[in-house]
N, C-alpha and C. Protein backbone atom coordinates (compact mmCIF):
# COMPACT_ATOMS: atom_id res chain seq x y z
N ASP A 1 53.95 92.50 -128.78
CA ASP A 1 52.53 92.29 -128.61
C ASP A 1 51.75 93.51 -129.08
N MET A 2 50.49 93.34 -129.33
CA MET A 2 49.67 94.41 -129.91
C MET A 2 49.55 95.61 -128.97
N LEU A 3 49.42 95.38 -127.68
CA LEU A 3 49.28 96.49 -126.75
C LEU A 3 50.55 97.34 -126.71
N CYS A 4 51.69 96.69 -126.72
CA CYS A 4 52.96 97.41 -126.71
C CYS A 4 53.09 98.23 -128.00
N LYS A 5 52.75 97.63 -129.12
CA LYS A 5 52.80 98.34 -130.40
C LYS A 5 51.92 99.59 -130.35
N HIS A 6 50.73 99.46 -129.82
CA HIS A 6 49.81 100.59 -129.77
C HIS A 6 50.25 101.65 -128.76
N ARG A 7 50.88 101.24 -127.67
CA ARG A 7 51.42 102.24 -126.74
C ARG A 7 52.49 103.08 -127.43
N HIS A 8 53.32 102.43 -128.23
CA HIS A 8 54.34 103.17 -128.99
C HIS A 8 53.70 104.14 -129.99
N ILE A 9 52.61 103.72 -130.59
CA ILE A 9 51.91 104.60 -131.54
C ILE A 9 51.35 105.82 -130.81
N VAL A 10 50.79 105.62 -129.61
CA VAL A 10 50.27 106.75 -128.84
C VAL A 10 51.40 107.73 -128.52
N VAL A 11 52.56 107.20 -128.13
CA VAL A 11 53.70 108.06 -127.84
C VAL A 11 54.10 108.83 -129.11
N TYR A 12 54.14 108.12 -130.24
CA TYR A 12 54.47 108.77 -131.50
C TYR A 12 53.46 109.88 -131.82
N LEU A 13 52.18 109.54 -131.72
CA LEU A 13 51.16 110.52 -132.05
C LEU A 13 51.18 111.71 -131.10
N THR A 14 51.59 111.48 -129.87
CA THR A 14 51.65 112.56 -128.88
C THR A 14 52.86 113.47 -129.12
N ASN A 15 54.01 112.88 -129.44
CA ASN A 15 55.26 113.64 -129.46
C ASN A 15 55.86 113.89 -130.84
N LYS A 16 55.62 113.04 -131.78
CA LYS A 16 56.37 113.09 -133.03
C LYS A 16 55.58 113.59 -134.23
N ARG A 17 54.34 113.94 -134.04
CA ARG A 17 53.54 114.45 -135.16
C ARG A 17 54.11 115.78 -135.62
N PRO A 18 53.83 116.14 -136.87
CA PRO A 18 54.25 117.47 -137.33
C PRO A 18 53.69 118.54 -136.40
N HIS A 19 54.46 119.59 -136.21
CA HIS A 19 54.11 120.64 -135.23
C HIS A 19 52.72 121.23 -135.45
N GLU A 20 52.33 121.43 -136.70
CA GLU A 20 51.01 122.04 -136.95
C GLU A 20 49.86 121.12 -136.53
N ASP A 21 50.10 119.80 -136.47
CA ASP A 21 49.05 118.87 -136.05
C ASP A 21 48.93 118.76 -134.53
N ARG A 22 49.96 119.16 -133.81
CA ARG A 22 49.96 118.99 -132.35
C ARG A 22 48.96 119.90 -131.65
N ASP A 23 48.53 120.96 -132.31
CA ASP A 23 47.58 121.88 -131.72
C ASP A 23 46.13 121.53 -132.00
N ASP A 24 45.88 120.43 -132.68
CA ASP A 24 44.53 120.01 -133.03
C ASP A 24 43.85 119.40 -131.79
N TYR A 25 42.92 120.14 -131.20
CA TYR A 25 42.27 119.73 -129.95
C TYR A 25 41.58 118.37 -130.08
N GLN A 26 40.84 118.15 -131.17
CA GLN A 26 40.09 116.89 -131.32
C GLN A 26 41.03 115.69 -131.43
N ILE A 27 42.09 115.84 -132.21
CA ILE A 27 43.04 114.73 -132.33
C ILE A 27 43.72 114.47 -130.98
N ASN A 28 44.07 115.53 -130.27
CA ASN A 28 44.69 115.36 -128.95
C ASN A 28 43.74 114.65 -127.98
N GLN A 29 42.45 114.96 -128.05
CA GLN A 29 41.46 114.29 -127.20
C GLN A 29 41.38 112.80 -127.54
N VAL A 30 41.34 112.49 -128.83
CA VAL A 30 41.27 111.09 -129.27
C VAL A 30 42.51 110.34 -128.80
N ILE A 31 43.67 110.93 -128.96
CA ILE A 31 44.92 110.29 -128.52
C ILE A 31 44.90 110.07 -127.02
N SER A 32 44.42 111.04 -126.26
CA SER A 32 44.33 110.91 -124.81
C SER A 32 43.38 109.77 -124.42
N ILE A 33 42.24 109.71 -125.07
CA ILE A 33 41.26 108.65 -124.78
C ILE A 33 41.85 107.28 -125.15
N LEU A 34 42.52 107.19 -126.30
CA LEU A 34 43.15 105.92 -126.69
C LEU A 34 44.21 105.50 -125.68
N GLY A 35 44.98 106.46 -125.18
CA GLY A 35 45.98 106.15 -124.16
C GLY A 35 45.34 105.56 -122.92
N GLU A 36 44.21 106.14 -122.48
CA GLU A 36 43.50 105.61 -121.32
C GLU A 36 42.90 104.23 -121.61
N CYS A 37 42.35 104.06 -122.81
CA CYS A 37 41.82 102.75 -123.20
C CYS A 37 42.92 101.69 -123.14
N LEU A 38 44.10 102.03 -123.66
CA LEU A 38 45.23 101.09 -123.62
C LEU A 38 45.64 100.77 -122.19
N ARG A 39 45.63 101.77 -121.32
CA ARG A 39 45.99 101.53 -119.92
C ARG A 39 45.01 100.56 -119.28
N GLN A 40 43.72 100.80 -119.47
CA GLN A 40 42.70 99.93 -118.90
C GLN A 40 42.77 98.52 -119.51
N LEU A 41 42.96 98.47 -120.81
CA LEU A 41 43.04 97.19 -121.49
C LEU A 41 44.27 96.39 -121.04
N SER A 42 45.37 97.09 -120.79
CA SER A 42 46.58 96.42 -120.31
C SER A 42 46.34 95.75 -118.96
N LEU A 43 45.61 96.43 -118.09
CA LEU A 43 45.29 95.84 -116.78
C LEU A 43 44.44 94.59 -116.94
N GLU A 44 43.43 94.69 -117.79
CA GLU A 44 42.55 93.54 -118.03
C GLU A 44 43.33 92.40 -118.68
N TRP A 45 44.18 92.75 -119.62
CA TRP A 45 44.94 91.78 -120.39
C TRP A 45 45.89 90.98 -119.52
N ALA A 46 46.54 91.64 -118.57
CA ALA A 46 47.54 90.99 -117.73
C ALA A 46 46.95 89.77 -117.03
N SER A 47 45.74 89.87 -116.54
CA SER A 47 45.14 88.73 -115.84
C SER A 47 44.71 87.64 -116.82
N LEU A 48 44.33 88.01 -118.02
CA LEU A 48 43.87 87.02 -119.00
C LEU A 48 45.02 86.22 -119.60
N GLU A 49 46.09 86.89 -119.95
CA GLU A 49 47.17 86.25 -120.68
C GLU A 49 47.90 85.17 -119.88
N LYS A 50 47.87 85.28 -118.56
CA LYS A 50 48.53 84.26 -117.74
C LYS A 50 47.93 82.88 -118.00
N ASN A 51 46.64 82.83 -118.22
CA ASN A 51 45.96 81.55 -118.35
C ASN A 51 45.55 81.20 -119.77
N ASN A 52 45.62 82.13 -120.70
CA ASN A 52 45.04 81.91 -122.01
C ASN A 52 45.98 82.20 -123.17
N SER A 53 47.25 81.96 -123.02
CA SER A 53 48.14 82.31 -124.12
C SER A 53 48.10 81.22 -125.21
N LEU A 54 48.19 81.68 -126.44
CA LEU A 54 48.31 80.80 -127.59
C LEU A 54 49.60 81.15 -128.30
N PRO A 55 50.29 80.17 -128.88
CA PRO A 55 51.53 80.50 -129.59
C PRO A 55 51.24 81.35 -130.83
N PRO A 56 52.12 82.30 -131.15
CA PRO A 56 51.89 83.13 -132.33
C PRO A 56 51.94 82.30 -133.61
N VAL A 57 51.14 82.72 -134.57
CA VAL A 57 51.11 82.08 -135.89
C VAL A 57 51.12 83.19 -136.95
N LEU A 58 51.36 82.82 -138.20
CA LEU A 58 51.30 83.79 -139.27
C LEU A 58 49.84 84.21 -139.47
N CYS A 59 49.57 85.48 -139.28
CA CYS A 59 48.22 86.03 -139.43
C CYS A 59 48.19 86.98 -140.61
N HIS A 60 47.14 86.94 -141.37
CA HIS A 60 46.95 87.81 -142.53
C HIS A 60 46.57 89.22 -142.10
N LEU A 61 45.67 89.33 -141.12
CA LEU A 61 45.16 90.56 -140.51
C LEU A 61 44.25 91.39 -141.42
N ASP A 62 43.88 90.84 -142.56
CA ASP A 62 42.87 91.49 -143.40
C ASP A 62 42.15 90.40 -144.21
N LEU A 63 41.88 89.29 -143.54
CA LEU A 63 41.29 88.14 -144.21
C LEU A 63 39.78 88.33 -144.35
N GLN A 64 39.37 88.64 -145.55
CA GLN A 64 37.97 88.83 -145.88
C GLN A 64 37.77 88.42 -147.33
N PRO A 65 36.54 88.20 -147.74
CA PRO A 65 36.29 87.63 -149.07
C PRO A 65 37.00 88.33 -150.23
N GLN A 66 37.09 89.66 -150.20
CA GLN A 66 37.72 90.33 -151.34
C GLN A 66 39.22 90.08 -151.42
N ASN A 67 39.81 89.47 -150.40
CA ASN A 67 41.23 89.13 -150.44
C ASN A 67 41.46 87.64 -150.66
N MET A 68 40.44 86.96 -151.16
CA MET A 68 40.53 85.53 -151.42
C MET A 68 40.11 85.23 -152.85
N ILE A 69 40.79 84.27 -153.44
CA ILE A 69 40.33 83.71 -154.71
C ILE A 69 39.67 82.39 -154.35
N LEU A 70 38.39 82.30 -154.63
CA LEU A 70 37.59 81.13 -154.29
C LEU A 70 37.26 80.35 -155.56
N PHE A 71 37.08 79.05 -155.40
CA PHE A 71 36.59 78.27 -156.53
C PHE A 71 35.62 77.21 -156.02
N GLN A 72 34.82 76.76 -156.98
CA GLN A 72 33.82 75.75 -156.65
C GLN A 72 33.53 74.94 -157.91
N LEU A 73 33.56 73.64 -157.78
CA LEU A 73 33.20 72.77 -158.89
C LEU A 73 31.70 72.80 -159.09
N LYS A 74 31.26 72.59 -160.32
CA LYS A 74 29.82 72.61 -160.61
C LYS A 74 29.06 71.62 -159.74
N LYS A 75 29.66 70.47 -159.48
CA LYS A 75 28.99 69.45 -158.67
C LYS A 75 28.84 69.87 -157.21
N ASP A 76 29.59 70.88 -156.79
CA ASP A 76 29.54 71.34 -155.40
C ASP A 76 28.73 72.62 -155.21
N ARG A 77 27.95 73.01 -156.20
CA ARG A 77 27.14 74.23 -156.09
C ARG A 77 26.29 74.18 -154.83
N GLY A 78 26.22 75.30 -154.12
CA GLY A 78 25.45 75.36 -152.88
C GLY A 78 26.27 75.04 -151.65
N LYS A 79 27.48 74.53 -151.82
CA LYS A 79 28.36 74.24 -150.69
C LYS A 79 29.33 75.41 -150.49
N ILE A 80 30.03 75.40 -149.41
CA ILE A 80 31.03 76.45 -149.14
C ILE A 80 32.17 76.30 -150.15
N PRO A 81 32.54 77.39 -150.83
CA PRO A 81 33.64 77.29 -151.81
C PRO A 81 34.98 77.03 -151.14
N THR A 82 35.92 76.57 -151.93
CA THR A 82 37.27 76.31 -151.47
C THR A 82 38.12 77.56 -151.70
N ILE A 83 39.00 77.85 -150.76
CA ILE A 83 39.92 78.98 -150.93
C ILE A 83 41.10 78.50 -151.76
N ALA A 84 41.28 79.10 -152.93
CA ALA A 84 42.38 78.72 -153.81
C ALA A 84 43.64 79.53 -153.50
N SER A 85 43.44 80.78 -153.10
CA SER A 85 44.57 81.66 -152.83
C SER A 85 44.13 82.81 -151.94
N VAL A 86 45.08 83.33 -151.18
CA VAL A 86 44.83 84.50 -150.34
C VAL A 86 45.76 85.61 -150.81
N LEU A 87 45.18 86.79 -151.05
CA LEU A 87 45.91 87.94 -151.58
C LEU A 87 46.11 89.00 -150.50
N ASP A 88 46.93 90.01 -150.83
CA ASP A 88 47.01 91.23 -150.02
C ASP A 88 47.61 90.96 -148.64
N TRP A 89 48.87 90.59 -148.60
CA TRP A 89 49.53 90.17 -147.37
C TRP A 89 50.33 91.29 -146.69
N GLU A 90 50.17 92.55 -147.09
CA GLU A 90 51.06 93.58 -146.54
C GLU A 90 50.86 93.84 -145.05
N GLU A 91 49.75 93.47 -144.48
CA GLU A 91 49.52 93.67 -143.04
C GLU A 91 49.87 92.43 -142.21
N SER A 92 50.33 91.38 -142.85
CA SER A 92 50.57 90.12 -142.15
C SER A 92 51.72 90.23 -141.15
N CYS A 93 51.63 89.39 -140.13
CA CYS A 93 52.68 89.30 -139.12
C CYS A 93 52.43 88.05 -138.27
N TYR A 94 53.40 87.72 -137.44
CA TYR A 94 53.18 86.66 -136.47
C TYR A 94 52.43 87.29 -135.30
N ALA A 95 51.31 86.69 -134.95
CA ALA A 95 50.48 87.25 -133.88
C ALA A 95 49.66 86.12 -133.25
N ASP A 96 49.01 86.47 -132.20
CA ASP A 96 48.09 85.54 -131.55
C ASP A 96 46.96 85.25 -132.53
N PRO A 97 46.65 83.98 -132.80
CA PRO A 97 45.62 83.65 -133.79
C PRO A 97 44.23 84.19 -133.43
N ARG A 98 43.99 84.48 -132.15
CA ARG A 98 42.69 85.03 -131.77
C ARG A 98 42.47 86.41 -132.37
N PHE A 99 43.55 87.15 -132.59
CA PHE A 99 43.37 88.47 -133.20
C PHE A 99 42.90 88.32 -134.64
N GLU A 100 43.43 87.33 -135.35
CA GLU A 100 42.97 87.06 -136.72
C GLU A 100 41.49 86.67 -136.72
N ILE A 101 41.10 85.81 -135.81
CA ILE A 101 39.70 85.38 -135.71
C ILE A 101 38.81 86.59 -135.41
N LEU A 102 39.27 87.44 -134.51
CA LEU A 102 38.48 88.62 -134.14
C LEU A 102 38.30 89.56 -135.33
N ILE A 103 39.35 89.76 -136.10
CA ILE A 103 39.24 90.63 -137.27
C ILE A 103 38.24 90.05 -138.26
N ILE A 104 38.26 88.74 -138.44
CA ILE A 104 37.27 88.10 -139.31
C ILE A 104 35.87 88.35 -138.75
N CYS A 105 35.72 88.20 -137.44
CA CYS A 105 34.42 88.44 -136.81
C CYS A 105 33.95 89.87 -137.03
N ARG A 106 34.85 90.83 -136.94
CA ARG A 106 34.46 92.24 -137.08
C ARG A 106 34.24 92.66 -138.53
N LYS A 107 35.01 92.09 -139.47
CA LYS A 107 34.94 92.54 -140.85
C LYS A 107 33.99 91.73 -141.72
N VAL A 108 33.72 90.49 -141.35
CA VAL A 108 32.99 89.59 -142.24
C VAL A 108 31.60 89.24 -141.73
N VAL A 109 31.46 88.95 -140.44
CA VAL A 109 30.15 88.51 -139.95
C VAL A 109 29.25 89.71 -139.67
N ALA A 110 27.96 89.43 -139.56
CA ALA A 110 26.97 90.51 -139.49
C ALA A 110 26.67 90.99 -138.08
N ASN A 111 26.87 90.14 -137.06
CA ASN A 111 26.46 90.57 -135.72
C ASN A 111 27.24 89.82 -134.64
N ARG A 112 27.03 90.22 -133.41
CA ARG A 112 27.76 89.63 -132.28
C ARG A 112 27.44 88.14 -132.11
N GLU A 113 26.21 87.75 -132.36
CA GLU A 113 25.84 86.34 -132.23
C GLU A 113 26.68 85.47 -133.17
N GLN A 114 26.84 85.92 -134.41
CA GLN A 114 27.67 85.17 -135.36
C GLN A 114 29.13 85.17 -134.93
N ALA A 115 29.60 86.30 -134.42
CA ALA A 115 30.99 86.37 -133.93
C ALA A 115 31.20 85.38 -132.79
N ASP A 116 30.24 85.31 -131.88
CA ASP A 116 30.35 84.36 -130.76
C ASP A 116 30.37 82.92 -131.26
N LEU A 117 29.59 82.62 -132.29
CA LEU A 117 29.59 81.26 -132.85
C LEU A 117 30.94 80.90 -133.44
N ILE A 118 31.55 81.84 -134.17
CA ILE A 118 32.88 81.59 -134.74
C ILE A 118 33.90 81.41 -133.63
N TRP A 119 33.83 82.28 -132.63
CA TRP A 119 34.77 82.20 -131.50
C TRP A 119 34.65 80.84 -130.80
N GLU A 120 33.42 80.41 -130.55
CA GLU A 120 33.19 79.11 -129.90
C GLU A 120 33.67 77.95 -130.77
N HIS A 121 33.46 78.06 -132.07
CA HIS A 121 33.92 77.01 -132.99
C HIS A 121 35.44 76.85 -132.90
N TYR A 122 36.17 77.96 -132.94
CA TYR A 122 37.63 77.88 -132.85
C TYR A 122 38.08 77.39 -131.48
N ALA A 123 37.35 77.72 -130.43
CA ALA A 123 37.68 77.20 -129.10
C ALA A 123 37.60 75.67 -129.09
N LYS A 124 36.57 75.14 -129.73
CA LYS A 124 36.44 73.67 -129.82
C LYS A 124 37.54 73.07 -130.68
N GLU A 125 37.92 73.76 -131.76
CA GLU A 125 38.97 73.26 -132.64
C GLU A 125 40.32 73.20 -131.93
N ILE A 126 40.59 74.17 -131.08
CA ILE A 126 41.83 74.15 -130.31
C ILE A 126 41.92 72.88 -129.48
N GLN A 127 40.82 72.53 -128.84
CA GLN A 127 40.79 71.31 -128.03
C GLN A 127 40.90 70.07 -128.92
N ARG A 128 40.22 70.09 -130.05
CA ARG A 128 40.23 68.93 -130.97
C ARG A 128 41.63 68.66 -131.50
N PHE A 129 42.43 69.69 -131.68
CA PHE A 129 43.79 69.53 -132.19
C PHE A 129 44.80 69.26 -131.09
N GLY A 130 44.32 68.90 -129.91
CA GLY A 130 45.20 68.49 -128.83
C GLY A 130 45.93 69.62 -128.13
N MET A 131 45.40 70.81 -128.21
CA MET A 131 46.03 71.95 -127.54
C MET A 131 45.28 72.25 -126.25
N SER A 132 45.05 71.21 -125.45
CA SER A 132 44.19 71.34 -124.27
C SER A 132 44.73 72.31 -123.23
N LYS A 133 46.03 72.60 -123.23
CA LYS A 133 46.55 73.56 -122.25
C LYS A 133 46.28 75.00 -122.68
N HIS A 134 45.76 75.18 -123.90
CA HIS A 134 45.46 76.52 -124.41
C HIS A 134 43.96 76.76 -124.41
N SER A 135 43.59 78.01 -124.35
CA SER A 135 42.17 78.37 -124.32
C SER A 135 41.96 79.65 -125.11
N MET A 136 40.80 79.76 -125.76
CA MET A 136 40.45 80.99 -126.46
C MET A 136 40.15 82.11 -125.46
N GLY A 137 39.60 81.75 -124.30
CA GLY A 137 39.20 82.76 -123.34
C GLY A 137 38.00 83.54 -123.86
N PRO A 138 37.60 84.57 -123.14
CA PRO A 138 36.43 85.35 -123.56
C PRO A 138 36.75 86.24 -124.76
N ILE A 139 35.72 86.57 -125.53
CA ILE A 139 35.88 87.40 -126.71
C ILE A 139 35.97 88.89 -126.37
N GLU A 140 35.41 89.31 -125.24
CA GLU A 140 35.29 90.74 -124.93
C GLU A 140 36.60 91.51 -124.96
N PRO A 141 37.67 91.04 -124.30
CA PRO A 141 38.92 91.82 -124.35
C PRO A 141 39.46 91.94 -125.78
N TRP A 142 39.21 90.93 -126.60
CA TRP A 142 39.66 90.97 -127.98
C TRP A 142 38.86 91.98 -128.79
N LEU A 143 37.58 92.11 -128.48
CA LEU A 143 36.77 93.15 -129.13
C LEU A 143 37.32 94.53 -128.80
N LYS A 144 37.70 94.73 -127.54
CA LYS A 144 38.26 96.01 -127.12
C LYS A 144 39.59 96.28 -127.83
N LEU A 145 40.45 95.26 -127.89
CA LEU A 145 41.74 95.42 -128.55
C LEU A 145 41.55 95.75 -130.03
N GLU A 146 40.62 95.08 -130.68
CA GLU A 146 40.39 95.34 -132.10
C GLU A 146 39.85 96.74 -132.31
N ALA A 147 39.02 97.22 -131.40
CA ALA A 147 38.50 98.59 -131.52
C ALA A 147 39.65 99.59 -131.43
N VAL A 148 40.56 99.39 -130.48
CA VAL A 148 41.73 100.27 -130.35
C VAL A 148 42.59 100.16 -131.61
N HIS A 149 42.80 98.95 -132.09
CA HIS A 149 43.59 98.73 -133.31
C HIS A 149 42.99 99.49 -134.49
N SER A 150 41.68 99.41 -134.67
CA SER A 150 41.01 100.09 -135.78
C SER A 150 41.16 101.61 -135.67
N LEU A 151 41.00 102.14 -134.46
CA LEU A 151 41.16 103.58 -134.27
C LEU A 151 42.59 104.02 -134.54
N MET A 152 43.56 103.23 -134.09
CA MET A 152 44.96 103.55 -134.35
C MET A 152 45.23 103.57 -135.85
N SER A 153 44.71 102.58 -136.54
CA SER A 153 44.91 102.50 -137.99
C SER A 153 44.35 103.73 -138.68
N MET A 154 43.18 104.18 -138.26
CA MET A 154 42.57 105.37 -138.86
C MET A 154 43.41 106.62 -138.57
N LEU A 155 43.92 106.73 -137.35
CA LEU A 155 44.72 107.91 -137.00
C LEU A 155 46.03 107.97 -137.78
N LEU A 156 46.56 106.81 -138.13
CA LEU A 156 47.85 106.77 -138.84
C LEU A 156 47.71 106.98 -140.34
N GLN A 157 46.49 107.02 -140.85
CA GLN A 157 46.31 107.18 -142.29
C GLN A 157 46.43 108.62 -142.71
């Protein structure tokens, strides 16, 4: 799961970094804060996951327009284009589909209102596809997880 992966990264960043980097006060502060964020998020997550689990699916994890080849017939001008192909799969993995939706919300849409609309749309689609025992749950914990994920990604670069 994503939280476990990030806890391992915090341990790595704390203990396994090159020796000259371990004395960097600012990086150590960021790592400490991320560790606390993960601890708090784990507590919040434990109560949510009992009731809102979705089966893992293949997620791209960087799905945004520049990673898609789109096409549109002349007769369909003004409509939403069709996705012909998806590129750049190096970050893909099996994950909870809500994380993919959240990344789309953070990277593609302009504001929280639009993100909430996408989240609500997928919640309705889950029910429409007969997955009534599953739920999207609230978006807030996913926003927190994605923020931690983004910070971890930056620290590892």
